[in-house]
N, C-alpha and C. Protein backbone atom coordinates (compact mmCIF):
# COMPACT_ATOMS: atom_id res chain seq x y z
N MET A 1 0.83 -1.18 0.00
CA MET A 1 0.00 0.00 0.00
C MET A 1 0.88 1.24 0.00
N LYS A 2 1.68 1.36 -1.00
CA LYS A 2 2.58 2.49 -1.14
C LYS A 2 1.99 3.48 -2.13
N ARG A 3 2.26 4.75 -1.91
CA ARG A 3 1.87 5.78 -2.87
C ARG A 3 2.76 5.68 -4.09
N SER A 4 4.01 5.31 -3.88
CA SER A 4 4.98 5.31 -4.96
C SER A 4 4.78 4.08 -5.84
N ALA A 5 5.17 4.21 -7.08
CA ALA A 5 5.08 3.09 -8.02
C ALA A 5 6.12 2.05 -7.65
N ASP A 6 5.88 0.83 -8.08
CA ASP A 6 6.81 -0.26 -7.81
C ASP A 6 8.13 0.04 -8.51
N THR A 7 9.19 0.04 -7.77
CA THR A 7 10.51 0.36 -8.32
C THR A 7 11.25 -0.90 -8.76
N GLY A 8 10.58 -2.05 -8.73
CA GLY A 8 11.24 -3.29 -9.10
C GLY A 8 11.98 -3.92 -7.93
N ARG A 9 12.00 -3.27 -6.80
CA ARG A 9 12.66 -3.79 -5.60
C ARG A 9 11.60 -4.29 -4.64
N ARG A 10 11.94 -5.32 -3.90
CA ARG A 10 11.01 -5.83 -2.90
C ARG A 10 10.91 -4.86 -1.75
N ARG A 11 9.71 -4.76 -1.17
CA ARG A 11 9.50 -3.84 -0.06
C ARG A 11 9.26 -4.60 1.24
N ARG A 12 9.41 -3.88 2.35
CA ARG A 12 9.15 -4.43 3.67
C ARG A 12 7.70 -4.90 3.74
N THR A 13 7.44 -5.95 4.48
CA THR A 13 6.10 -6.49 4.62
C THR A 13 5.16 -5.41 5.16
N PRO A 14 4.07 -5.08 4.40
CA PRO A 14 3.17 -4.01 4.84
C PRO A 14 2.55 -4.25 6.22
N ALA A 15 2.28 -5.50 6.57
CA ALA A 15 1.66 -5.77 7.87
C ALA A 15 2.59 -5.39 9.02
N VAL A 16 3.88 -5.61 8.86
CA VAL A 16 4.84 -5.27 9.91
C VAL A 16 4.90 -3.75 10.08
N VAL A 17 4.99 -3.04 8.96
CA VAL A 17 5.06 -1.59 9.01
C VAL A 17 3.77 -1.02 9.56
N ALA A 18 2.63 -1.51 9.08
CA ALA A 18 1.34 -1.01 9.54
C ALA A 18 1.17 -1.25 11.04
N ALA A 19 1.59 -2.40 11.52
CA ALA A 19 1.47 -2.69 12.95
C ALA A 19 2.31 -1.71 13.77
N ALA A 20 3.51 -1.39 13.29
CA ALA A 20 4.37 -0.46 14.01
C ALA A 20 3.75 0.93 14.04
N VAL A 21 3.20 1.38 12.91
CA VAL A 21 2.57 2.70 12.86
C VAL A 21 1.33 2.72 13.73
N LEU A 22 0.51 1.69 13.65
CA LEU A 22 -0.72 1.65 14.46
C LEU A 22 -0.41 1.63 15.94
N ALA A 23 0.69 0.99 16.32
CA ALA A 23 1.06 0.96 17.74
C ALA A 23 1.49 2.34 18.21
N ALA A 24 2.08 3.13 17.32
CA ALA A 24 2.58 4.45 17.70
C ALA A 24 1.52 5.54 17.59
N VAL A 25 0.49 5.31 16.76
CA VAL A 25 -0.52 6.33 16.52
C VAL A 25 -1.86 5.85 17.06
N PRO A 26 -2.38 6.47 18.10
CA PRO A 26 -3.67 6.04 18.62
C PRO A 26 -4.77 6.36 17.62
N MET A 27 -5.59 5.37 17.33
CA MET A 27 -6.72 5.55 16.41
C MET A 27 -7.98 5.64 17.26
N THR A 28 -8.37 6.85 17.61
CA THR A 28 -9.48 7.03 18.54
C THR A 28 -10.77 7.38 17.82
N GLY A 29 -10.84 7.09 16.54
CA GLY A 29 -12.06 7.40 15.80
C GLY A 29 -11.90 8.70 15.04
N THR A 30 -13.01 9.17 14.49
CA THR A 30 -12.96 10.36 13.68
C THR A 30 -13.59 11.53 14.41
N SER A 31 -13.27 12.70 13.92
CA SER A 31 -13.78 13.91 14.54
C SER A 31 -14.00 14.95 13.47
N THR A 32 -15.00 15.79 13.65
CA THR A 32 -15.19 16.91 12.74
C THR A 32 -14.95 18.21 13.48
N ALA A 33 -14.31 18.14 14.64
CA ALA A 33 -13.98 19.35 15.40
C ALA A 33 -12.87 20.10 14.69
N ALA A 34 -12.82 21.38 14.92
CA ALA A 34 -11.76 22.18 14.31
C ALA A 34 -10.41 21.79 14.89
N ALA A 35 -9.39 21.82 14.05
CA ALA A 35 -8.04 21.53 14.50
C ALA A 35 -7.53 22.71 15.30
N PRO A 36 -6.52 22.49 16.15
CA PRO A 36 -5.99 23.57 16.96
C PRO A 36 -5.31 24.64 16.10
N ALA A 37 -5.10 25.80 16.69
CA ALA A 37 -4.52 26.93 15.96
C ALA A 37 -3.19 26.57 15.32
N GLU A 38 -2.37 25.75 15.98
CA GLU A 38 -1.08 25.43 15.40
C GLU A 38 -1.21 24.61 14.13
N ALA A 39 -2.38 24.01 13.89
CA ALA A 39 -2.60 23.28 12.65
C ALA A 39 -3.30 24.17 11.63
N GLY A 40 -3.44 25.45 11.92
CA GLY A 40 -4.01 26.39 10.97
C GLY A 40 -5.51 26.53 11.06
N ALA A 41 -6.13 26.04 12.13
CA ALA A 41 -7.59 26.10 12.25
C ALA A 41 -8.03 27.38 12.92
N PRO A 42 -9.08 28.00 12.41
CA PRO A 42 -9.61 29.17 13.08
C PRO A 42 -10.40 28.76 14.31
N ALA A 43 -10.43 29.62 15.33
CA ALA A 43 -11.21 29.33 16.53
C ALA A 43 -12.68 29.52 16.21
N ALA A 44 -13.53 28.65 16.77
CA ALA A 44 -14.96 28.77 16.55
C ALA A 44 -15.50 29.89 17.43
N GLY A 45 -16.33 30.75 16.85
CA GLY A 45 -16.93 31.85 17.60
C GLY A 45 -18.07 31.37 18.46
N ALA A 46 -18.51 32.20 19.40
CA ALA A 46 -19.61 31.84 20.28
C ALA A 46 -20.86 31.59 19.45
N GLY A 47 -21.51 30.45 19.70
CA GLY A 47 -22.73 30.10 19.01
C GLY A 47 -22.51 29.62 17.58
N ARG A 48 -21.27 29.52 17.14
CA ARG A 48 -20.96 29.09 15.79
C ARG A 48 -20.39 27.69 15.82
N ALA A 49 -20.85 26.81 14.96
CA ALA A 49 -20.33 25.44 14.92
C ALA A 49 -18.90 25.46 14.38
N ALA A 50 -18.10 24.56 14.90
CA ALA A 50 -16.72 24.46 14.43
C ALA A 50 -16.70 24.00 12.98
N ALA A 51 -15.78 24.52 12.20
CA ALA A 51 -15.64 24.12 10.80
C ALA A 51 -15.17 22.68 10.72
N ALA A 52 -15.60 21.98 9.67
CA ALA A 52 -15.17 20.60 9.46
C ALA A 52 -13.66 20.57 9.27
N SER A 53 -13.04 19.50 9.71
CA SER A 53 -11.60 19.35 9.55
C SER A 53 -11.30 17.94 9.07
N PRO A 54 -10.10 17.72 8.58
CA PRO A 54 -9.73 16.38 8.13
C PRO A 54 -9.29 15.45 9.27
N VAL A 55 -9.34 15.91 10.50
CA VAL A 55 -8.87 15.08 11.62
C VAL A 55 -9.59 13.73 11.60
N GLY A 56 -8.80 12.67 11.62
CA GLY A 56 -9.33 11.32 11.62
C GLY A 56 -8.61 10.44 10.61
N ARG A 57 -9.17 9.28 10.38
CA ARG A 57 -8.59 8.26 9.50
C ARG A 57 -9.35 8.25 8.18
N TRP A 58 -8.61 8.14 7.07
CA TRP A 58 -9.19 8.21 5.74
C TRP A 58 -8.69 7.07 4.87
N ALA A 59 -9.61 6.41 4.16
CA ALA A 59 -9.25 5.44 3.12
C ALA A 59 -9.04 6.24 1.84
N LEU A 60 -7.90 6.03 1.19
CA LEU A 60 -7.55 6.81 0.00
C LEU A 60 -7.52 5.94 -1.24
N LYS A 61 -7.88 6.56 -2.34
CA LYS A 61 -7.62 6.06 -3.68
C LYS A 61 -6.63 7.05 -4.26
N VAL A 62 -5.41 6.61 -4.50
CA VAL A 62 -4.33 7.45 -5.00
C VAL A 62 -4.12 7.10 -6.46
N SER A 63 -4.22 8.11 -7.34
CA SER A 63 -4.10 7.86 -8.78
C SER A 63 -2.95 8.68 -9.37
N PHE A 64 -2.11 8.01 -10.15
CA PHE A 64 -1.08 8.68 -10.93
C PHE A 64 -0.61 7.73 -12.03
N ASP A 65 -0.15 8.30 -13.12
CA ASP A 65 0.35 7.54 -14.26
C ASP A 65 -0.65 6.48 -14.74
N GLY A 66 -1.95 6.77 -14.66
CA GLY A 66 -2.95 5.84 -15.15
C GLY A 66 -3.26 4.67 -14.24
N HIS A 67 -2.71 4.65 -13.03
CA HIS A 67 -2.94 3.57 -12.07
C HIS A 67 -3.56 4.14 -10.80
N THR A 68 -4.32 3.31 -10.10
CA THR A 68 -4.92 3.70 -8.83
C THR A 68 -4.50 2.71 -7.76
N TYR A 69 -4.12 3.26 -6.59
CA TYR A 69 -3.65 2.45 -5.47
C TYR A 69 -4.45 2.80 -4.23
N ASP A 70 -4.61 1.83 -3.35
CA ASP A 70 -5.27 2.05 -2.07
C ASP A 70 -4.24 2.44 -1.03
N SER A 71 -4.60 3.33 -0.14
CA SER A 71 -3.74 3.75 0.95
C SER A 71 -4.64 4.21 2.09
N THR A 72 -4.04 4.49 3.23
CA THR A 72 -4.78 5.01 4.39
C THR A 72 -3.95 6.11 5.00
N VAL A 73 -4.61 7.21 5.36
CA VAL A 73 -3.92 8.33 5.98
C VAL A 73 -4.65 8.72 7.26
N GLN A 74 -3.90 9.19 8.24
CA GLN A 74 -4.45 9.65 9.52
C GLN A 74 -4.00 11.08 9.72
N PHE A 75 -4.95 11.99 9.98
CA PHE A 75 -4.64 13.38 10.31
C PHE A 75 -4.95 13.59 11.78
N THR A 76 -4.00 14.13 12.55
CA THR A 76 -4.20 14.33 13.99
C THR A 76 -4.65 15.76 14.27
N PRO A 77 -5.25 16.00 15.45
CA PRO A 77 -5.66 17.36 15.82
C PRO A 77 -4.49 18.34 15.88
N GLY A 78 -3.28 17.87 16.17
CA GLY A 78 -2.12 18.73 16.28
C GLY A 78 -1.46 19.08 14.96
N GLY A 79 -1.99 18.57 13.83
CA GLY A 79 -1.44 18.92 12.53
C GLY A 79 -0.48 17.90 11.95
N THR A 80 -0.36 16.71 12.56
CA THR A 80 0.50 15.66 12.01
C THR A 80 -0.32 14.80 11.06
N ALA A 81 0.34 14.36 9.99
CA ALA A 81 -0.29 13.46 9.02
C ALA A 81 0.56 12.21 8.90
N PHE A 82 -0.08 11.04 8.92
CA PHE A 82 0.61 9.76 8.80
C PHE A 82 0.02 8.96 7.66
N ILE A 83 0.87 8.30 6.89
CA ILE A 83 0.40 7.27 5.98
C ILE A 83 0.51 5.97 6.76
N VAL A 84 -0.60 5.26 6.91
CA VAL A 84 -0.57 3.99 7.63
C VAL A 84 0.23 3.03 6.76
N GLY A 85 1.30 2.49 7.31
CA GLY A 85 2.22 1.64 6.58
C GLY A 85 3.57 2.31 6.41
N GLY A 86 3.68 3.56 6.83
CA GLY A 86 4.96 4.27 6.78
C GLY A 86 4.81 5.65 6.18
N GLY A 87 5.42 6.60 6.79
CA GLY A 87 5.39 7.97 6.28
C GLY A 87 4.71 8.91 7.26
N ALA A 88 5.26 10.11 7.39
CA ALA A 88 4.70 11.11 8.29
C ALA A 88 5.00 12.50 7.76
N GLY A 89 4.20 13.45 8.20
CA GLY A 89 4.39 14.83 7.80
C GLY A 89 3.41 15.73 8.53
N ARG A 90 2.97 16.79 7.88
CA ARG A 90 2.10 17.80 8.49
C ARG A 90 0.93 18.12 7.58
N TRP A 91 -0.16 18.54 8.18
CA TRP A 91 -1.29 19.08 7.44
C TRP A 91 -1.63 20.44 8.04
N SER A 92 -2.26 21.30 7.25
CA SER A 92 -2.73 22.59 7.77
C SER A 92 -3.93 23.07 6.97
N ARG A 93 -4.80 23.77 7.67
CA ARG A 93 -5.99 24.34 7.04
C ARG A 93 -5.54 25.55 6.21
N THR A 94 -6.11 25.68 5.00
CA THR A 94 -5.78 26.80 4.13
C THR A 94 -6.99 27.65 3.79
N GLY A 95 -8.15 27.28 4.30
CA GLY A 95 -9.38 28.02 4.04
C GLY A 95 -10.56 27.17 4.41
N ASP A 96 -11.74 27.70 4.19
CA ASP A 96 -12.96 26.98 4.51
C ASP A 96 -13.07 25.72 3.65
N GLY A 97 -12.99 24.56 4.29
CA GLY A 97 -13.08 23.29 3.57
C GLY A 97 -11.85 22.95 2.76
N ARG A 98 -10.75 23.64 3.01
CA ARG A 98 -9.52 23.39 2.26
C ARG A 98 -8.35 23.16 3.22
N PHE A 99 -7.45 22.26 2.80
CA PHE A 99 -6.24 22.01 3.59
C PHE A 99 -5.15 21.48 2.67
N THR A 100 -3.93 21.52 3.16
CA THR A 100 -2.80 20.94 2.45
C THR A 100 -2.16 19.89 3.35
N PHE A 101 -1.47 18.95 2.74
CA PHE A 101 -0.67 18.03 3.53
C PHE A 101 0.58 17.66 2.76
N ARG A 102 1.65 17.49 3.55
CA ARG A 102 2.95 17.06 3.04
C ARG A 102 3.42 15.89 3.88
N ILE A 103 3.78 14.81 3.20
CA ILE A 103 4.20 13.60 3.90
C ILE A 103 5.44 13.04 3.21
N ALA A 104 6.44 12.64 3.98
CA ALA A 104 7.60 11.92 3.47
C ALA A 104 7.41 10.45 3.77
N GLU A 105 7.47 9.63 2.75
CA GLU A 105 7.25 8.19 2.89
C GLU A 105 8.54 7.44 2.52
N PRO A 106 9.19 6.80 3.50
CA PRO A 106 10.43 6.09 3.20
C PRO A 106 10.17 4.81 2.40
N MET A 107 11.17 4.42 1.62
CA MET A 107 11.13 3.16 0.87
C MET A 107 12.25 2.28 1.42
N TRP A 108 11.92 1.01 1.70
CA TRP A 108 12.86 0.07 2.32
C TRP A 108 12.97 -1.18 1.48
N SER A 109 14.13 -1.80 1.48
CA SER A 109 14.29 -3.11 0.84
C SER A 109 13.72 -4.18 1.77
N ALA A 110 13.62 -5.40 1.27
CA ALA A 110 13.15 -6.52 2.10
C ALA A 110 14.08 -6.76 3.28
N GLN A 111 15.35 -6.36 3.13
CA GLN A 111 16.34 -6.54 4.20
C GLN A 111 16.35 -5.36 5.17
N GLY A 112 15.54 -4.35 4.92
CA GLY A 112 15.47 -3.20 5.80
C GLY A 112 16.42 -2.08 5.43
N ASP A 113 17.04 -2.15 4.25
CA ASP A 113 17.93 -1.08 3.79
C ASP A 113 17.11 0.07 3.23
N TYR A 114 17.55 1.28 3.54
CA TYR A 114 16.87 2.47 3.05
C TYR A 114 17.14 2.63 1.55
N LEU A 115 16.07 2.73 0.76
CA LEU A 115 16.19 2.87 -0.70
C LEU A 115 15.95 4.30 -1.17
N GLY A 116 15.30 5.08 -0.33
CA GLY A 116 14.95 6.44 -0.72
C GLY A 116 13.63 6.83 -0.10
N ARG A 117 12.99 7.85 -0.69
CA ARG A 117 11.72 8.32 -0.13
C ARG A 117 10.85 8.89 -1.23
N VAL A 118 9.57 8.99 -0.91
CA VAL A 118 8.61 9.69 -1.75
C VAL A 118 8.13 10.89 -0.94
N SER A 119 8.16 12.05 -1.54
CA SER A 119 7.68 13.28 -0.91
C SER A 119 6.33 13.63 -1.53
N VAL A 120 5.29 13.60 -0.70
CA VAL A 120 3.92 13.84 -1.14
C VAL A 120 3.54 15.27 -0.76
N ASP A 121 3.01 16.04 -1.70
CA ASP A 121 2.60 17.43 -1.47
C ASP A 121 1.25 17.63 -2.13
N GLN A 122 0.18 17.71 -1.32
CA GLN A 122 -1.19 17.74 -1.84
C GLN A 122 -1.98 18.94 -1.33
N SER A 123 -2.84 19.48 -2.16
CA SER A 123 -3.83 20.50 -1.79
C SER A 123 -5.19 19.84 -1.89
N ALA A 124 -6.00 19.96 -0.81
CA ALA A 124 -7.24 19.20 -0.72
C ALA A 124 -8.46 20.08 -0.50
N ARG A 125 -9.60 19.56 -0.93
CA ARG A 125 -10.91 20.19 -0.71
C ARG A 125 -11.76 19.17 0.02
N LEU A 126 -12.28 19.54 1.19
CA LEU A 126 -13.07 18.67 2.05
C LEU A 126 -14.55 18.99 1.90
N THR A 127 -15.35 17.96 1.62
CA THR A 127 -16.81 18.10 1.54
C THR A 127 -17.42 16.94 2.32
N GLY A 128 -17.95 17.23 3.51
CA GLY A 128 -18.53 16.18 4.34
C GLY A 128 -17.48 15.16 4.73
N ASP A 129 -17.74 13.89 4.42
CA ASP A 129 -16.83 12.81 4.77
C ASP A 129 -15.98 12.36 3.58
N THR A 130 -15.74 13.29 2.65
CA THR A 130 -14.92 13.00 1.48
C THR A 130 -13.99 14.17 1.21
N PHE A 131 -12.78 13.88 0.77
CA PHE A 131 -11.95 14.96 0.25
C PHE A 131 -11.31 14.52 -1.06
N THR A 132 -11.03 15.49 -1.89
CA THR A 132 -10.27 15.26 -3.10
C THR A 132 -9.04 16.14 -3.03
N SER A 133 -7.94 15.66 -3.57
CA SER A 133 -6.72 16.45 -3.54
C SER A 133 -5.90 16.17 -4.79
N SER A 134 -4.99 17.09 -5.06
CA SER A 134 -4.06 16.89 -6.15
C SER A 134 -2.75 17.58 -5.79
N GLY A 135 -1.71 17.13 -6.42
CA GLY A 135 -0.39 17.70 -6.17
C GLY A 135 0.69 16.85 -6.79
N VAL A 136 1.90 17.12 -6.40
CA VAL A 136 3.06 16.43 -6.97
C VAL A 136 3.66 15.49 -5.93
N SER A 137 4.01 14.31 -6.39
CA SER A 137 4.77 13.36 -5.57
C SER A 137 6.13 13.21 -6.23
N ARG A 138 7.17 13.33 -5.41
CA ARG A 138 8.54 13.24 -5.91
C ARG A 138 9.25 12.05 -5.27
N GLN A 139 9.93 11.28 -6.08
CA GLN A 139 10.66 10.11 -5.58
C GLN A 139 12.15 10.44 -5.59
N TYR A 140 12.82 10.16 -4.46
CA TYR A 140 14.24 10.39 -4.30
C TYR A 140 14.93 9.08 -3.99
N ASP A 141 16.16 8.91 -4.47
CA ASP A 141 16.90 7.71 -4.15
C ASP A 141 17.57 7.85 -2.78
N ALA A 142 18.34 6.85 -2.39
CA ALA A 142 18.97 6.84 -1.07
C ALA A 142 19.97 7.97 -0.88
N ASP A 143 20.46 8.54 -1.99
CA ASP A 143 21.39 9.67 -1.92
C ASP A 143 20.66 11.00 -2.00
N ASP A 144 19.34 10.95 -1.90
CA ASP A 144 18.47 12.14 -1.93
C ASP A 144 18.48 12.86 -3.28
N VAL A 145 18.68 12.08 -4.36
CA VAL A 145 18.64 12.62 -5.71
C VAL A 145 17.24 12.35 -6.28
N LEU A 146 16.61 13.40 -6.81
CA LEU A 146 15.28 13.27 -7.42
C LEU A 146 15.37 12.35 -8.62
N THR A 147 14.54 11.29 -8.61
CA THR A 147 14.55 10.32 -9.71
C THR A 147 13.26 10.32 -10.51
N ARG A 148 12.18 10.88 -9.92
CA ARG A 148 10.89 10.85 -10.60
C ARG A 148 9.96 11.84 -9.95
N SER A 149 9.10 12.44 -10.77
CA SER A 149 8.09 13.38 -10.27
C SER A 149 6.81 13.11 -11.03
N VAL A 150 5.69 12.95 -10.31
CA VAL A 150 4.41 12.67 -10.96
C VAL A 150 3.31 13.54 -10.35
N GLN A 151 2.32 13.87 -11.16
CA GLN A 151 1.11 14.53 -10.68
C GLN A 151 0.22 13.43 -10.11
N ALA A 152 -0.24 13.61 -8.86
CA ALA A 152 -1.07 12.59 -8.20
C ALA A 152 -2.39 13.21 -7.77
N HIS A 153 -3.43 12.39 -7.77
CA HIS A 153 -4.76 12.80 -7.34
C HIS A 153 -5.26 11.79 -6.32
N ASP A 154 -5.82 12.29 -5.22
CA ASP A 154 -6.35 11.43 -4.17
C ASP A 154 -7.84 11.68 -4.01
N THR A 155 -8.54 10.62 -3.63
CA THR A 155 -9.91 10.73 -3.14
C THR A 155 -9.94 10.02 -1.80
N GLY A 156 -10.29 10.75 -0.75
CA GLY A 156 -10.31 10.18 0.60
C GLY A 156 -11.73 10.06 1.11
N THR A 157 -12.02 8.94 1.77
CA THR A 157 -13.30 8.70 2.42
C THR A 157 -13.04 8.42 3.88
N ARG A 158 -13.72 9.17 4.76
CA ARG A 158 -13.51 8.99 6.19
C ARG A 158 -13.84 7.55 6.57
N SER A 159 -12.92 6.93 7.34
CA SER A 159 -13.13 5.52 7.71
C SER A 159 -13.06 5.35 9.21
């Protein structure tokens, strides 16, 4: 369940990585409460409902280069974003129903050697329990040299 395309190299077992991430990230359900100020959320005024936020767990359909992949992302109230299975970064509100997220996702060999990373940079629009986003994903090798750049589109459903 990687965002990046198969590089022809074997990857670490997804269940092992997912278990490690799930152990480190508490999954307490979903929330539509506004994120804290440090995550770019405006404070709710008296008598005004809090704006919807991406805080929670999302099932993703990630599309690029004519292929679609499944992934899962978790956005925390403090502005952290995780790809379940590996990868972390930040999210922030950019307007009413809009947010951005940036996540670095490491790539590992079957032996646990670092192969490089994918840098995900997305701008999203949130409507109810769905968001759509688009942006550029960049793949870097172990020496941090850019090897590939693709336009990616995500559709997230709150899970």
